Amino acid sequence: MPEQDSLIFMQEVLQRDFAIAPVDKREQLLQQLADAINNMISTDFSRLISILYRLDIDEQLLKKQLREQPDTDAGVVIAALIEKRQWQKWKTRQEFKKGSDIPDDEKW
């Protein structure tokens, strides 16, 4: 179930920037994302950079991954980094959500 919840979370986040259609599988999401990224590389690179900045994708890590995988499609590499970062955000939110079961008499 956590994988499905994280997939829904990622779709919601990415829908705004990449017009990702709802999917049932992680692989479908990554393929759509890679295609959208490749399209933005050729048509609106500055917008892509802005989105990556807002999604908190580490620039140095991105450059390193692109250098280390020269034969891999850039959209696929970037999509994998976005997925990894969104997964980290989702996990963090789940951890903090668990701690929100504070009894009413102890809340501020």
Protein backbone atom coordinates (compact mmCIF):
# COMPACT_ATOMS: atom_id res chain seq x y z
CA MET A 1 0.00 0.00 0.00
CA PRO A 2 2.75 2.56 0.71
CA GLU A 3 4.00 2.19 -2.86
CA GLN A 4 0.53 2.99 -4.24
CA ASP A 5 0.18 5.93 -1.83
CA SER A 6 3.55 7.31 -2.88
CA LEU A 7 2.61 6.86 -6.55
CA ILE A 8 -0.54 8.90 -5.99
CA PHE A 9 1.48 11.56 -4.13
CA MET A 10 4.01 11.76 -6.97
CA GLN A 11 1.29 11.99 -9.61
CA GLU A 12 -0.35 14.87 -7.75
CA VAL A 13 2.92 16.77 -7.45
CA LEU A 14 4.06 16.13 -11.02
CA GLN A 15 0.68 16.75 -12.64
CA ARG A 16 1.02 20.48 -12.09
CA ASP A 17 4.34 20.81 -13.89
CA PHE A 18 4.45 17.98 -16.38
CA ALA A 19 0.80 17.20 -17.25
CA ILE A 20 1.22 13.57 -16.22
CA ALA A 21 -1.88 11.44 -16.83
CA PRO A 22 -3.03 9.15 -14.00
CA VAL A 23 -1.38 5.72 -14.15
CA ASP A 24 -1.40 2.51 -12.14
CA LYS A 25 2.28 1.63 -12.30
CA ARG A 26 5.48 3.38 -11.36
CA GLU A 27 7.09 2.49 -14.71
CA GLN A 28 4.28 4.22 -16.61
CA LEU A 29 4.70 7.33 -14.50
CA LEU A 30 8.46 7.40 -15.07
CA GLN A 31 8.03 6.95 -18.83
CA GLN A 32 5.52 9.81 -19.04
CA LEU A 33 7.78 11.95 -16.91
CA ALA A 34 10.85 11.17 -19.03
CA ASP A 35 8.91 12.01 -22.21
CA ALA A 36 7.70 15.31 -20.73
CA ILE A 37 11.22 16.18 -19.59
CA ASN A 38 12.69 15.43 -23.03
CA ASN A 39 10.04 17.63 -24.59
CA MET A 40 10.89 20.46 -22.19
CA ILE A 41 14.61 20.07 -22.88
CA SER A 42 13.92 20.94 -26.51
CA THR A 43 11.08 23.43 -26.12
CA ASP A 44 11.27 25.17 -22.72
CA PHE A 45 14.58 24.43 -21.00
CA SER A 46 14.40 27.42 -18.66
CA ARG A 47 11.02 26.23 -17.34
CA LEU A 48 12.47 22.75 -16.76
CA ILE A 49 15.35 24.25 -14.77
CA SER A 50 12.87 26.26 -12.72
CA ILE A 51 10.79 23.16 -11.97
CA LEU A 52 13.86 21.14 -10.97
CA TYR A 53 14.89 23.93 -8.62
CA ARG A 54 11.42 24.06 -7.04
CA LEU A 55 11.32 20.26 -6.69
CA ASP A 56 14.65 20.53 -4.86
CA ILE A 57 16.66 18.38 -7.27
CA ASP A 58 20.34 18.61 -6.34
CA GLU A 59 22.11 20.31 -9.26
CA GLN A 60 25.49 18.72 -8.57
CA LEU A 61 23.95 15.26 -8.32
CA LEU A 62 22.07 15.84 -11.58
CA LYS A 63 25.25 16.88 -13.39
CA LYS A 64 27.10 13.89 -11.94
CA GLN A 65 24.38 11.44 -12.98
CA LEU A 66 24.29 12.85 -16.51
CA ARG A 67 28.09 12.59 -16.78
CA GLU A 68 28.17 9.04 -15.43
CA GLN A 69 25.40 7.85 -17.75
CA PRO A 70 26.22 9.42 -21.13
CA ASP A 71 24.41 6.70 -23.09
CA THR A 72 21.20 6.96 -21.04
CA ASP A 73 18.42 9.25 -22.18
CA ALA A 74 18.61 12.52 -20.19
CA GLY A 75 14.86 12.45 -19.55
CA VAL A 76 15.17 9.03 -17.93
CA VAL A 77 18.05 10.17 -15.71
CA ILE A 78 16.22 13.31 -14.60
CA ALA A 79 12.95 11.41 -14.07
CA ALA A 80 14.75 8.96 -11.78
CA LEU A 81 16.17 11.82 -9.70
CA ILE A 82 12.75 13.45 -9.44
CA GLU A 83 11.21 10.16 -8.37
CA LYS A 84 13.88 9.63 -5.74
CA ARG A 85 13.39 13.14 -4.32
CA GLN A 86 9.59 12.85 -4.28
CA TRP A 87 9.87 9.46 -2.53
CA GLN A 88 12.06 11.11 0.14
CA LYS A 89 9.49 13.87 0.63
CA TRP A 90 6.65 11.37 0.86
CA LYS A 91 8.51 9.26 3.45
CA THR A 92 9.27 12.33 5.55
CA ARG A 93 5.63 13.39 5.50
CA GLN A 94 4.55 9.91 6.56
CA GLU A 95 6.98 9.94 9.47
CA PHE A 96 5.73 13.31 10.71
CA LYS A 97 2.13 12.25 10.22
CA LYS A 98 2.65 9.37 12.66
CA GLY A 99 3.73 11.82 15.34
CA SER A 100 0.58 13.89 15.04
CA ASP A 101 -1.48 11.59 17.31
CA ILE A 102 -1.16 13.95 20.27
CA PRO A 103 -3.96 13.81 22.84
CA ASP A 104 -6.12 16.92 22.86
CA ASP A 105 -5.21 17.80 26.44
CA GLU A 106 -1.52 17.94 25.49
CA LYS A 107 -1.94 20.13 22.38
CA TRP A 108 -1.12 23.82 22.61
